[in-house]
């Protein structure tokens, strides 16, 4: 698990617009502004794979298959239009 804060924590970034990034309520958020909170394991205290009752983790689990994302813990919690979601580190750039 991560001991240090994510380098982009507490910053607003623009998500890349060259591939879809799906949110269950917002649809495709590619190109949108996102506030990076921190690594998911630092926010939640554990891996996204163990967050069985967390809606953001459940949606991320589905997205990993469709977007062919790595099944590791290089996952950050962000807010897009005030709604939380998990993104893999590779989706930030």
N, C-alpha and C. Protein backbone atom coordinates (compact mmCIF):
# COMPACT_ATOMS: atom_id res chain seq x y z
N UNK A 1 0.83 -1.18 0.00
CA UNK A 1 0.00 0.00 0.00
C UNK A 1 0.88 1.25 0.00
N UNK A 2 0.27 2.35 -0.37
CA UNK A 2 1.01 3.60 -0.50
C UNK A 2 1.18 4.30 0.84
N UNK A 3 2.39 4.70 1.13
CA UNK A 3 2.65 5.44 2.36
C UNK A 3 2.70 6.94 2.11
N UNK A 4 3.07 7.32 0.88
CA UNK A 4 3.15 8.74 0.53
C UNK A 4 1.92 9.16 -0.26
N UNK A 5 1.58 10.41 -0.13
CA UNK A 5 0.47 11.00 -0.86
C UNK A 5 0.74 10.93 -2.37
N UNK A 6 -0.32 10.81 -3.15
CA UNK A 6 -0.17 10.82 -4.60
C UNK A 6 0.40 12.18 -5.03
N UNK A 7 1.29 12.21 -6.03
CA UNK A 7 1.89 13.48 -6.45
C UNK A 7 0.87 14.53 -6.91
N UNK A 8 -0.30 14.11 -7.36
CA UNK A 8 -1.31 15.06 -7.82
C UNK A 8 -2.42 15.30 -6.79
N UNK A 9 -2.26 14.77 -5.58
CA UNK A 9 -3.28 14.91 -4.55
C UNK A 9 -3.62 16.38 -4.31
N UNK A 10 -4.90 16.64 -4.14
CA UNK A 10 -5.43 17.99 -3.87
C UNK A 10 -5.27 18.94 -5.05
N UNK A 11 -5.07 18.39 -6.24
CA UNK A 11 -4.95 19.23 -7.43
C UNK A 11 -6.09 18.92 -8.39
N UNK A 12 -6.45 19.92 -9.18
CA UNK A 12 -7.42 19.72 -10.25
C UNK A 12 -6.66 19.49 -11.54
N UNK A 13 -7.03 18.42 -12.24
CA UNK A 13 -6.37 18.08 -13.49
C UNK A 13 -7.44 17.95 -14.58
N UNK A 14 -7.01 17.97 -15.81
CA UNK A 14 -7.90 17.65 -16.91
C UNK A 14 -7.61 16.23 -17.35
N UNK A 15 -8.65 15.41 -17.38
CA UNK A 15 -8.48 14.03 -17.80
C UNK A 15 -8.19 13.98 -19.30
N UNK A 16 -7.39 13.04 -19.74
CA UNK A 16 -7.11 12.92 -21.17
C UNK A 16 -8.40 12.69 -21.95
N UNK A 17 -8.43 13.16 -23.17
CA UNK A 17 -9.64 12.99 -23.98
C UNK A 17 -9.43 12.05 -25.16
N UNK A 18 -8.34 11.28 -25.13
CA UNK A 18 -8.03 10.40 -26.25
C UNK A 18 -8.59 8.99 -26.11
N UNK A 19 -9.26 8.69 -24.99
CA UNK A 19 -9.90 7.39 -24.80
C UNK A 19 -11.05 7.57 -23.80
N UNK A 20 -12.09 6.75 -23.90
CA UNK A 20 -13.22 6.92 -22.98
C UNK A 20 -12.88 6.54 -21.55
N UNK A 21 -13.42 7.30 -20.63
CA UNK A 21 -13.34 7.01 -19.20
C UNK A 21 -14.78 7.09 -18.69
N UNK A 22 -15.37 5.94 -18.45
CA UNK A 22 -16.80 5.90 -18.16
C UNK A 22 -17.10 6.01 -16.67
N UNK A 23 -18.06 6.85 -16.35
CA UNK A 23 -18.60 6.99 -15.00
C UNK A 23 -20.03 6.49 -15.06
N UNK A 24 -20.47 5.77 -14.02
CA UNK A 24 -21.79 5.16 -14.07
C UNK A 24 -22.93 6.18 -14.14
N UNK A 25 -22.76 7.38 -13.66
CA UNK A 25 -23.82 8.39 -13.72
C UNK A 25 -23.56 9.48 -14.75
N UNK A 26 -22.30 9.79 -14.99
CA UNK A 26 -21.95 10.91 -15.87
C UNK A 26 -21.67 10.49 -17.30
N UNK A 27 -21.51 9.21 -17.53
CA UNK A 27 -21.12 8.75 -18.87
C UNK A 27 -19.62 8.94 -19.07
N UNK A 28 -19.23 9.28 -20.28
CA UNK A 28 -17.82 9.45 -20.61
C UNK A 28 -17.31 10.77 -20.03
N UNK A 29 -16.33 10.68 -19.14
CA UNK A 29 -15.78 11.88 -18.50
C UNK A 29 -14.42 12.27 -19.07
N UNK A 30 -14.01 11.63 -20.16
CA UNK A 30 -12.74 11.99 -20.80
C UNK A 30 -12.75 13.48 -21.14
N UNK A 31 -11.65 14.15 -20.85
CA UNK A 31 -11.53 15.58 -21.10
C UNK A 31 -12.09 16.47 -20.02
N UNK A 32 -12.76 15.89 -19.02
CA UNK A 32 -13.36 16.67 -17.92
C UNK A 32 -12.30 17.03 -16.88
N UNK A 33 -12.63 18.01 -16.05
CA UNK A 33 -11.80 18.37 -14.91
C UNK A 33 -12.05 17.37 -13.78
N UNK A 34 -10.98 16.97 -13.08
CA UNK A 34 -11.11 16.05 -11.96
C UNK A 34 -10.24 16.55 -10.81
N UNK A 35 -10.75 16.45 -9.61
CA UNK A 35 -9.98 16.76 -8.42
C UNK A 35 -9.42 15.45 -7.89
N UNK A 36 -8.11 15.35 -7.84
CA UNK A 36 -7.45 14.15 -7.34
C UNK A 36 -7.38 14.24 -5.81
N UNK A 37 -8.02 13.29 -5.14
CA UNK A 37 -7.95 13.30 -3.67
C UNK A 37 -6.66 12.64 -3.19
N UNK A 38 -6.44 11.38 -3.56
CA UNK A 38 -5.24 10.66 -3.15
C UNK A 38 -5.34 9.23 -3.66
N UNK A 39 -4.31 8.44 -3.35
CA UNK A 39 -4.39 7.01 -3.66
C UNK A 39 -5.61 6.44 -2.96
N UNK A 40 -6.30 5.52 -3.62
CA UNK A 40 -7.51 4.92 -3.03
C UNK A 40 -7.19 4.24 -1.69
N UNK A 41 -6.08 3.52 -1.62
CA UNK A 41 -5.79 2.81 -0.37
C UNK A 41 -5.54 3.77 0.79
N UNK A 42 -5.07 4.96 0.52
CA UNK A 42 -4.88 5.96 1.58
C UNK A 42 -6.21 6.60 1.97
N UNK A 43 -7.11 6.76 1.00
CA UNK A 43 -8.43 7.33 1.29
C UNK A 43 -9.29 6.34 2.07
N UNK A 44 -9.27 5.08 1.65
CA UNK A 44 -10.18 4.09 2.20
C UNK A 44 -9.57 3.21 3.28
N UNK A 45 -8.25 3.13 3.31
CA UNK A 45 -7.59 2.27 4.26
C UNK A 45 -7.35 0.86 3.76
N UNK A 46 -7.63 0.61 2.48
CA UNK A 46 -7.41 -0.73 1.93
C UNK A 46 -7.51 -0.74 0.42
N UNK A 47 -7.34 -1.90 -0.14
CA UNK A 47 -7.39 -2.09 -1.58
C UNK A 47 -8.80 -1.93 -2.13
N UNK A 48 -8.90 -1.48 -3.36
CA UNK A 48 -10.20 -1.39 -4.02
C UNK A 48 -10.81 -2.79 -4.17
N UNK A 49 -9.98 -3.82 -4.23
CA UNK A 49 -10.49 -5.18 -4.41
C UNK A 49 -11.20 -5.70 -3.17
N UNK A 50 -10.99 -5.05 -2.03
CA UNK A 50 -11.64 -5.44 -0.79
C UNK A 50 -12.80 -4.53 -0.40
N UNK A 51 -13.08 -3.53 -1.21
CA UNK A 51 -14.13 -2.55 -0.89
C UNK A 51 -15.47 -3.01 -1.48
N UNK A 52 -15.95 -4.15 -1.00
CA UNK A 52 -17.11 -4.82 -1.59
C UNK A 52 -18.39 -4.00 -1.60
N UNK A 53 -18.59 -3.15 -0.63
CA UNK A 53 -19.83 -2.39 -0.55
C UNK A 53 -19.69 -0.96 -1.05
N UNK A 54 -18.55 -0.61 -1.60
CA UNK A 54 -18.33 0.76 -2.05
C UNK A 54 -18.71 0.88 -3.53
N UNK A 55 -19.67 1.76 -3.86
CA UNK A 55 -20.11 1.89 -5.25
C UNK A 55 -18.99 2.28 -6.21
N UNK A 56 -18.10 3.17 -5.80
CA UNK A 56 -17.00 3.57 -6.70
C UNK A 56 -16.09 2.39 -7.01
N UNK A 57 -15.82 1.55 -6.01
CA UNK A 57 -14.98 0.38 -6.22
C UNK A 57 -15.68 -0.66 -7.09
N UNK A 58 -16.98 -0.81 -6.92
CA UNK A 58 -17.73 -1.76 -7.75
C UNK A 58 -17.74 -1.33 -9.21
N UNK A 59 -17.96 -0.06 -9.45
CA UNK A 59 -17.94 0.45 -10.82
C UNK A 59 -16.54 0.30 -11.41
N UNK A 60 -15.52 0.58 -10.61
CA UNK A 60 -14.15 0.44 -11.09
C UNK A 60 -13.87 -1.02 -11.45
N UNK A 61 -14.35 -1.95 -10.64
CA UNK A 61 -14.13 -3.37 -10.93
C UNK A 61 -14.70 -3.74 -12.30
N UNK A 62 -15.86 -3.23 -12.63
CA UNK A 62 -16.45 -3.49 -13.95
C UNK A 62 -15.62 -2.82 -15.04
N UNK A 63 -15.20 -1.59 -14.78
CA UNK A 63 -14.40 -0.86 -15.78
C UNK A 63 -13.07 -1.54 -16.08
N UNK A 64 -12.48 -2.21 -15.08
CA UNK A 64 -11.19 -2.86 -15.32
C UNK A 64 -11.28 -3.87 -16.46
N UNK A 65 -12.39 -4.56 -16.55
CA UNK A 65 -12.56 -5.55 -17.62
C UNK A 65 -12.74 -4.88 -18.97
N UNK A 66 -13.64 -3.91 -19.04
CA UNK A 66 -13.93 -3.27 -20.32
C UNK A 66 -12.78 -2.40 -20.82
N UNK A 67 -12.11 -1.73 -19.91
CA UNK A 67 -11.01 -0.83 -20.30
C UNK A 67 -9.66 -1.53 -20.27
N UNK A 68 -9.64 -2.79 -19.92
CA UNK A 68 -8.42 -3.58 -19.82
C UNK A 68 -7.37 -2.89 -18.94
N UNK A 69 -7.82 -2.50 -17.75
CA UNK A 69 -6.94 -1.84 -16.78
C UNK A 69 -6.20 -2.87 -15.95
N UNK A 70 -5.00 -2.54 -15.50
CA UNK A 70 -4.27 -3.47 -14.63
C UNK A 70 -5.03 -3.73 -13.32
N UNK A 71 -4.88 -4.92 -12.79
CA UNK A 71 -5.56 -5.28 -11.54
C UNK A 71 -4.63 -5.09 -10.35
N UNK A 72 -4.06 -3.89 -10.25
CA UNK A 72 -3.16 -3.58 -9.15
C UNK A 72 -3.76 -2.47 -8.29
N UNK A 73 -3.00 -1.98 -7.35
CA UNK A 73 -3.50 -0.92 -6.46
C UNK A 73 -2.96 0.46 -6.81
N UNK A 74 -2.58 0.66 -8.05
CA UNK A 74 -2.16 1.98 -8.52
C UNK A 74 -3.41 2.76 -8.92
N UNK A 75 -4.30 2.93 -7.97
CA UNK A 75 -5.64 3.47 -8.19
C UNK A 75 -5.82 4.72 -7.34
N UNK A 76 -6.37 5.76 -7.96
CA UNK A 76 -6.60 7.02 -7.26
C UNK A 76 -8.09 7.31 -7.17
N UNK A 77 -8.45 8.04 -6.12
CA UNK A 77 -9.83 8.49 -5.95
C UNK A 77 -9.91 9.93 -6.42
N UNK A 78 -10.82 10.19 -7.34
CA UNK A 78 -11.00 11.54 -7.88
C UNK A 78 -12.47 11.93 -7.80
N UNK A 79 -12.72 13.21 -7.94
CA UNK A 79 -14.09 13.70 -8.05
C UNK A 79 -14.24 14.44 -9.37
N UNK A 80 -15.26 14.06 -10.09
CA UNK A 80 -15.61 14.70 -11.36
C UNK A 80 -17.03 15.23 -11.19
N UNK A 81 -17.21 16.52 -11.35
CA UNK A 81 -18.53 17.14 -11.13
C UNK A 81 -19.10 16.73 -9.77
N UNK A 82 -18.27 16.72 -8.75
CA UNK A 82 -18.63 16.43 -7.36
C UNK A 82 -18.96 14.97 -7.10
N UNK A 83 -18.80 14.09 -8.09
CA UNK A 83 -19.07 12.67 -7.90
C UNK A 83 -17.75 11.90 -7.89
N UNK A 84 -17.60 11.01 -6.92
CA UNK A 84 -16.36 10.26 -6.77
C UNK A 84 -16.27 9.09 -7.72
N UNK A 85 -15.04 8.79 -8.12
CA UNK A 85 -14.77 7.62 -8.94
C UNK A 85 -13.32 7.22 -8.77
N UNK A 86 -13.05 5.98 -9.12
CA UNK A 86 -11.69 5.48 -9.08
C UNK A 86 -11.12 5.46 -10.49
N UNK A 87 -9.87 5.85 -10.60
CA UNK A 87 -9.16 5.83 -11.86
C UNK A 87 -7.82 5.14 -11.65
N UNK A 88 -7.41 4.38 -12.64
CA UNK A 88 -6.08 3.81 -12.57
C UNK A 88 -5.09 4.93 -12.87
N UNK A 89 -3.92 4.85 -12.26
CA UNK A 89 -2.87 5.85 -12.48
C UNK A 89 -2.63 6.10 -13.97
N UNK A 90 -2.69 5.07 -14.77
CA UNK A 90 -2.45 5.19 -16.21
C UNK A 90 -3.50 6.02 -16.93
N UNK A 91 -4.66 6.21 -16.32
CA UNK A 91 -5.73 6.99 -16.95
C UNK A 91 -5.58 8.48 -16.72
N UNK A 92 -4.64 8.88 -15.88
CA UNK A 92 -4.47 10.29 -15.56
C UNK A 92 -3.67 11.04 -16.60
N UNK A 93 -2.93 10.32 -17.43
CA UNK A 93 -2.08 11.00 -18.41
C UNK A 93 -2.37 10.52 -19.82
